[in-house]
C-alpha atoms as a PDB file:
ATOM      1  CA  MET A   1      -0.127  -0.019   0.122  1.00  0.00           C
ATOM      2  CA  ILE A   2       1.616   3.071  -0.850  1.00  0.00           C
ATOM      3  CA  ALA A   3      -0.364   4.968   1.880  1.00  0.00           C
ATOM      4  CA  GLU A   4       1.279   5.094   5.307  1.00  0.00           C
ATOM      5  CA  LYS A   5      -0.777   4.852   8.496  1.00  0.00           C
ATOM      6  CA  HIS A   6      -0.316   6.496  11.444  1.00  0.00           C
ATOM      7  CA  ARG A   7      -2.288   4.961  14.391  1.00  0.00           C
ATOM      8  CA  SER A   8      -1.839   7.919  16.810  1.00  0.00           C
ATOM      9  CA  PRO A   9      -4.199  10.825  15.743  1.00  0.00           C
ATOM     10  CA  LEU A  10      -2.967  13.095  18.873  1.00  0.00           C
ATOM     11  CA  ASN A  11       0.473  13.739  18.756  1.00  0.00           C
ATOM     12  CA  LYS A  12       2.475  16.495  21.555  1.00  0.00           C
ATOM     13  CA  VAL A  13       4.289  19.660  19.369  1.00  0.00           C
ATOM     14  CA  LEU A  14       6.555  21.148  21.018  1.00  0.00           C
ATOM     15  CA  ASP A  15       5.785  25.360  20.431  1.00  0.00           C
ATOM     16  CA  ARG A  16       8.323  28.380  21.342  1.00  0.00           C
ATOM     17  CA  ASP A  17       6.478  30.645  23.797  1.00  0.00           C
ATOM     18  CA  ARG A  18       6.678  34.008  22.483  1.00  0.00           C
ATOM     19  CA  GLY A  19       9.038  35.969  24.566  1.00  0.00           C
ATOM     20  CA  SER A  20      10.650  32.369  26.752  1.00  0.00           C
ATOM     21  CA  SER A  21      13.322  30.694  25.233  1.00  0.00           C
ATOM     22  CA  GLU A  22      11.287  27.616  27.555  1.00  0.00           C
ATOM     23  CA  TYR A  23       8.783  25.367  24.892  1.00  0.00           C
ATOM     24  CA  ALA A  24       5.385  24.505  25.532  1.00  0.00           C
ATOM     25  CA  ALA A  25       3.617  21.291  24.913  1.00  0.00           C
ATOM     26  CA  MET A  26       0.803  21.892  22.291  1.00  0.00           C
ATOM     27  CA  ASN A  27      -1.666  19.079  21.850  1.00  0.00           C
ATOM     28  CA  LEU A  28      -2.780  18.814  17.995  1.00  0.00           C
ATOM     29  CA  MET A  29      -4.722  16.350  16.095  1.00  0.00           C
ATOM     30  CA  ILE A  30      -3.970  14.824  12.838  1.00  0.00           C
ATOM     31  CA  ARG A  31      -6.727  12.937  10.825  1.00  0.00           C
ATOM     32  CA  LYS A  32      -5.447  10.902   7.444  1.00  0.00           C
ATOM     33  CA  ALA A  33      -6.808   9.825   4.830  1.00  0.00           C
ATOM     34  CA  SER A  34      -5.115   8.635   1.141  1.00  0.00           C
ATOM     35  CA  VAL A  35      -6.125   8.085  -2.224  1.00  0.00           C
ATOM     36  CA  VAL A  36      -4.976   5.605  -4.761  1.00  0.00           C
ATOM     37  CA  TRP A  37      -4.893   6.640  -8.229  1.00  0.00           C
ATOM     38  CA  ARG A  38      -4.285   5.052 -11.478  1.00  0.00           C
ATOM     39  CA  GLY A  39      -4.848   5.979 -14.684  1.00  0.00           C
ATOM     40  CA  SER A  40      -5.946   9.457 -15.922  1.00  0.00           C
ATOM     41  CA  ALA A  41      -8.786  11.318 -14.801  1.00  0.00           C
ATOM     42  CA  LYS A  42     -11.540  10.191 -17.126  1.00  0.00           C
ATOM     43  CA  GLY A  43     -10.261   6.732 -17.260  1.00  0.00           C
ATOM     44  CA  GLY A  44      -8.373   4.648 -14.982  1.00  0.00           C
ATOM     45  CA  SER A  45      -9.082   3.538 -11.036  1.00  0.00           C
ATOM     46  CA  ARG A  46      -9.105   5.149  -7.655  1.00  0.00           C
ATOM     47  CA  ALA A  47      -9.828   4.750  -3.857  1.00  0.00           C
ATOM     48  CA  VAL A  48      -9.662   6.185  -0.870  1.00  0.00           C
ATOM     49  CA  THR A  49      -9.152   5.086   2.445  1.00  0.00           C
ATOM     50  CA  THR A  50      -9.235   7.035   6.128  1.00  0.00           C
ATOM     51  CA  ASP A  51      -7.614   5.612   8.605  1.00  0.00           C
ATOM     52  CA  SER A  52     -10.196   5.041  11.114  1.00  0.00           C
ATOM     53  CA  GLY A  53     -10.747   2.283   8.604  1.00  0.00           C
ATOM     54  CA  VAL A  54     -14.684   4.128   7.908  1.00  0.00           C
ATOM     55  CA  LEU A  55     -13.615   4.472   4.468  1.00  0.00           C
ATOM     56  CA  LYS A  56     -11.266   1.284   3.234  1.00  0.00           C
ATOM     57  CA  ARG A  57     -10.071   1.247  -0.818  1.00  0.00           C
ATOM     58  CA  ALA A  58     -13.564   3.101  -1.241  1.00  0.00           C
ATOM     59  CA  ARG A  59     -14.464   3.531  -5.146  1.00  0.00           C
ATOM     60  CA  LEU A  60     -14.054   7.228  -6.519  1.00  0.00           C
ATOM     61  CA  SER A  61     -15.777   8.851  -9.216  1.00  0.00           C
ATOM     62  CA  PRO A  62     -13.617   9.436 -12.163  1.00  0.00           C
ATOM     63  CA  GLY A  63     -14.023  13.184 -11.784  1.00  0.00           C
ATOM     64  CA  LEU A  64     -17.420  14.886 -12.023  1.00  0.00           C
ATOM     65  CA  PRO A  65     -20.219  13.203 -10.315  1.00  0.00           C
ATOM     66  CA  LEU A  66     -22.565  10.951 -12.343  1.00  0.00           C
ATOM     67  CA  LYS A  67     -26.380  10.864 -11.968  1.00  0.00           C
ATOM     68  CA  LYS A  68     -26.199   7.126 -11.479  1.00  0.00           C
ATOM     69  CA  ASN A  69     -22.958   6.978 -10.283  1.00  0.00           C
ATOM     70  CA  VAL A  70     -22.098   4.150  -7.386  1.00  0.00           C
ATOM     71  CA  HIS A  71     -18.778   5.952  -6.304  1.00  0.00           C
ATOM     72  CA  SER A  72     -18.008   8.964  -4.146  1.00  0.00           C
ATOM     73  CA  ASP A  73     -16.415  12.084  -5.528  1.00  0.00           C
ATOM     74  CA  PRO A  74     -14.686  14.363  -3.763  1.00  0.00           C
ATOM     75  CA  THR A  75     -17.618  16.926  -3.721  1.00  0.00           C
ATOM     76  CA  GLU A  76     -20.100  14.339  -1.691  1.00  0.00           C
ATOM     77  CA  LEU A  77     -17.160  13.567   0.389  1.00  0.00           C
ATOM     78  CA  ILE A  78     -17.031  17.399   1.287  1.00  0.00           C
ATOM     79  CA  ALA A  79     -20.866  17.903   1.870  1.00  0.00           C
ATOM     80  CA  ALA A  80     -20.615  14.421   4.123  1.00  0.00           C
ATOM     81  CA  ALA A  81     -18.014  16.229   6.348  1.00  0.00           C
ATOM     82  CA  HIS A  82     -19.593  19.618   6.304  1.00  0.00           C
ATOM     83  CA  ALA A  83     -22.756  17.448   7.471  1.00  0.00           C
ATOM     84  CA  GLY A  84     -20.940  16.008  10.180  1.00  0.00           C
ATOM     85  CA  SER A  85     -19.010  18.567  11.380  1.00  0.00           C
ATOM     86  CA  PHE A  86     -22.025  20.993  11.700  1.00  0.00           C
ATOM     87  CA  SER A  87     -23.738  18.645  13.612  1.00  0.00           C
ATOM     88  CA  LEU A  88     -21.035  18.233  15.899  1.00  0.00           C
ATOM     89  CA  ALA A  89     -20.705  22.141  16.395  1.00  0.00           C
ATOM     90  CA  LEU A  90     -24.227  22.400  16.798  1.00  0.00           C
ATOM     91  CA  SER A  91     -24.423  19.671  19.976  1.00  0.00           C
ATOM     92  CA  ASN A  92     -21.152  21.470  21.242  1.00  0.00           C
ATOM     93  CA  GLU A  93     -23.317  24.625  21.102  1.00  0.00           C
ATOM     94  CA  LEU A  94     -26.461  23.353  22.562  1.00  0.00           C
ATOM     95  CA  GLY A  95     -24.048  21.768  25.565  1.00  0.00           C
ATOM     96  CA  LEU A  96     -26.344  18.363  24.600  1.00  0.00           C
ATOM     97  CA  LYS A  97     -25.073  15.593  27.084  1.00  0.00           C
ATOM     98  CA  ALA A  98     -24.853  11.723  25.683  1.00  0.00           C
ATOM     99  CA  SER A  99     -28.158  11.440  27.320  1.00  0.00           C
ATOM    100  CA  ALA A 100     -30.138  13.501  25.695  1.00  0.00           C
ATOM    101  CA  ALA A 101     -33.537  13.157  24.255  1.00  0.00           C
ATOM    102  CA  GLY A 102     -33.869  14.013  20.734  1.00  0.00           C
ATOM    103  CA  GLU A 103     -32.016  14.618  17.564  1.00  0.00           C
ATOM    104  CA  ILE A 104     -29.913  16.437  14.876  1.00  0.00           C
ATOM    105  CA  LEU A 105     -30.583  15.949  11.434  1.00  0.00           C
ATOM    106  CA  THR A 106     -27.921  18.007   8.958  1.00  0.00           C
ATOM    107  CA  SER A 107     -27.826  17.376   5.272  1.00  0.00           C
ATOM    108  CA  ALA A 108     -25.399  19.517   3.088  1.00  0.00           C
ATOM    109  CA  THR A 109     -25.572  20.672  -0.917  1.00  0.00           C
ATOM    110  CA  VAL A 110     -22.868  21.357  -2.705  1.00  0.00           C
ATOM    111  CA  THR A 111     -23.437  23.296  -5.747  1.00  0.00           C
ATOM    112  CA  LEU A 112     -20.602  23.787  -8.474  1.00  0.00           C
ATOM    113  CA  GLU A 113     -20.385  25.543 -11.577  1.00  0.00           C
ATOM    114  CA  HIS A 114     -18.639  25.279 -14.415  1.00  0.00           C
ATOM    115  CA  LEU A 115     -16.418  28.418 -14.817  1.00  0.00           C
ATOM    116  CA  ALA A 116     -13.677  28.987 -17.079  1.00  0.00           C
ATOM    117  CA  THR A 117     -10.815  28.302 -14.426  1.00  0.00           C
ATOM    118  CA  GLY A 118     -12.980  24.810 -14.201  1.00  0.00           C
ATOM    119  CA  TRP A 119     -15.631  23.198 -11.922  1.00  0.00           C
ATOM    120  CA  THR A 120     -15.592  25.525  -8.869  1.00  0.00           C
ATOM    121  CA  ILE A 121     -18.235  25.049  -5.702  1.00  0.00           C
ATOM    122  CA  MET A 122     -20.390  27.933  -5.551  1.00  0.00           C
ATOM    123  CA  ASN A 123     -22.428  27.178  -2.462  1.00  0.00           C
ATOM    124  CA  ILE A 124     -22.872  24.832   0.020  1.00  0.00           C
ATOM    125  CA  HIS A 125     -26.237  24.850   2.210  1.00  0.00           C
ATOM    126  CA  LEU A 126     -27.427  23.140   5.443  1.00  0.00           C
ATOM    127  CA  ASN A 127     -30.541  21.977   6.145  1.00  0.00           C
ATOM    128  CA  VAL A 128     -30.898  21.289   9.472  1.00  0.00           C
ATOM    129  CA  LEU A 129     -34.173  19.697  11.198  1.00  0.00           C
ATOM    130  CA  ALA A 130     -33.288  19.239  15.155  1.00  0.00           C
ATOM    131  CA  ARG A 131     -36.067  17.300  17.445  1.00  0.00           C
ATOM    132  CA  LEU A 132     -34.987  18.519  20.915  1.00  0.00           C
ATOM    133  CA  PRO A 133     -37.294  18.698  23.552  1.00  0.00           C
ATOM    134  CA  ARG A 134     -35.805  20.271  25.972  1.00  0.00           C
ATOM    135  CA  VAL A 135     -34.149  23.235  23.638  1.00  0.00           C
ATOM    136  CA  THR A 136     -36.136  26.980  23.334  1.00  0.00           C
ATOM    137  CA  PRO A 137     -36.790  27.806  19.648  1.00  0.00           C
ATOM    138  CA  GLY A 138     -34.372  31.360  20.799  1.00  0.00           C
ATOM    139  CA  ARG A 139     -32.094  28.978  21.985  1.00  0.00           C
ATOM    140  CA  PHE A 140     -31.879  26.647  19.012  1.00  0.00           C
ATOM    141  CA  ILE A 141     -31.615  29.772  16.570  1.00  0.00           C
ATOM    142  CA  ASP A 142     -28.524  31.259  18.653  1.00  0.00           C
ATOM    143  CA  ALA A 143     -26.549  28.005  18.736  1.00  0.00           C
ATOM    144  CA  THR A 144     -27.046  27.333  14.561  1.00  0.00           C
ATOM    145  CA  VAL A 145     -25.638  30.859  13.788  1.00  0.00           C
ATOM    146  CA  ARG A 146     -22.741  30.092  16.338  1.00  0.00           C
ATOM    147  CA  ALA A 147     -22.167  26.585  15.188  1.00  0.00           C
ATOM    148  CA  LYS A 148     -22.270  27.382  11.582  1.00  0.00           C
ATOM    149  CA  THR A 149     -19.616  30.215  12.280  1.00  0.00           C
ATOM    150  CA  ASN A 150     -17.901  27.651  14.108  1.00  0.00           C
ATOM    151  CA  CYS A 151     -17.824  24.741  12.190  1.00  0.00           C
ATOM    152  CA  ILE A 152     -14.452  23.469  11.864  1.00  0.00           C
ATOM    153  CA  VAL A 153     -15.655  23.081   7.975  1.00  0.00           C
ATOM    154  CA  SER A 154     -17.521  26.128   7.194  1.00  0.00           C
ATOM    155  CA  LYS A 155     -14.253  27.683   8.574  1.00  0.00           C
ATOM    156  CA  LEU A 156     -11.955  25.909   5.999  1.00  0.00           C
ATOM    157  CA  LEU A 157     -14.529  26.865   3.009  1.00  0.00           C
ATOM    158  CA  ARG A 158     -14.209  29.657   0.787  1.00  0.00           C
ATOM    159  CA  ALA A 159     -17.391  29.088  -0.447  1.00  0.00           C
ATOM    160  CA  ASN A 160     -21.139  30.780   0.507  1.00  0.00           C
ATOM    161  CA  VAL A 161     -22.540  28.769   3.035  1.00  0.00           C
ATOM    162  CA  SER A 162     -26.245  29.112   3.481  1.00  0.00           C
ATOM    163  CA  MET A 163     -28.468  27.469   6.191  1.00  0.00           C
ATOM    164  CA  ASN A 164     -31.949  26.423   7.235  1.00  0.00           C
ATOM    165  CA  ALA A 165     -32.735  25.104  10.021  1.00  0.00           C
ATOM    166  CA  LYS A 166     -35.579  23.794  12.002  1.00  0.00           C
ATOM    167  CA  LEU A 167     -36.739  22.697  15.727  1.00  0.00           C
ATOM    168  CA  GLN A 168     -39.717  20.464  16.011  1.00  0.00           C
ATOM    169  CA  LYS A 169     -41.045  19.413  18.942  1.00  0.00           C
END
């Protein structure tokens, strides 16, 4: 296998403290995925594997997603990562405990446009439906706005990120 596996996702890194000659330990999280790509962009084979093992040689589309394609593609993986990251951020903003009643369902829709420079992600729309009996509508709206700002994938992307959020009782 071409990709090297690192089993330790939490690594200590030394960081020089400003104004001091001493080093302070800082925790970093490192997550990895690897893709084996054979052939050209239009043909050949490609597979993605994640360190967690959730994806193991999962087939990737040879480019843009086709309507009836059984392969994933980078855009779909970005949508999945954004939906998961936002749901985590919202749960954190609401201070939900593992035993909290209810659920948060987030879907992310990625819109691409073909520009002169090639295909570009123009927009990502988050659709959030939450059933949280102990959360007030005001608290929910405030938390969704903070979660959209604090979500690590939202911070990473340059695309416009829009959102609908609904709390059901």
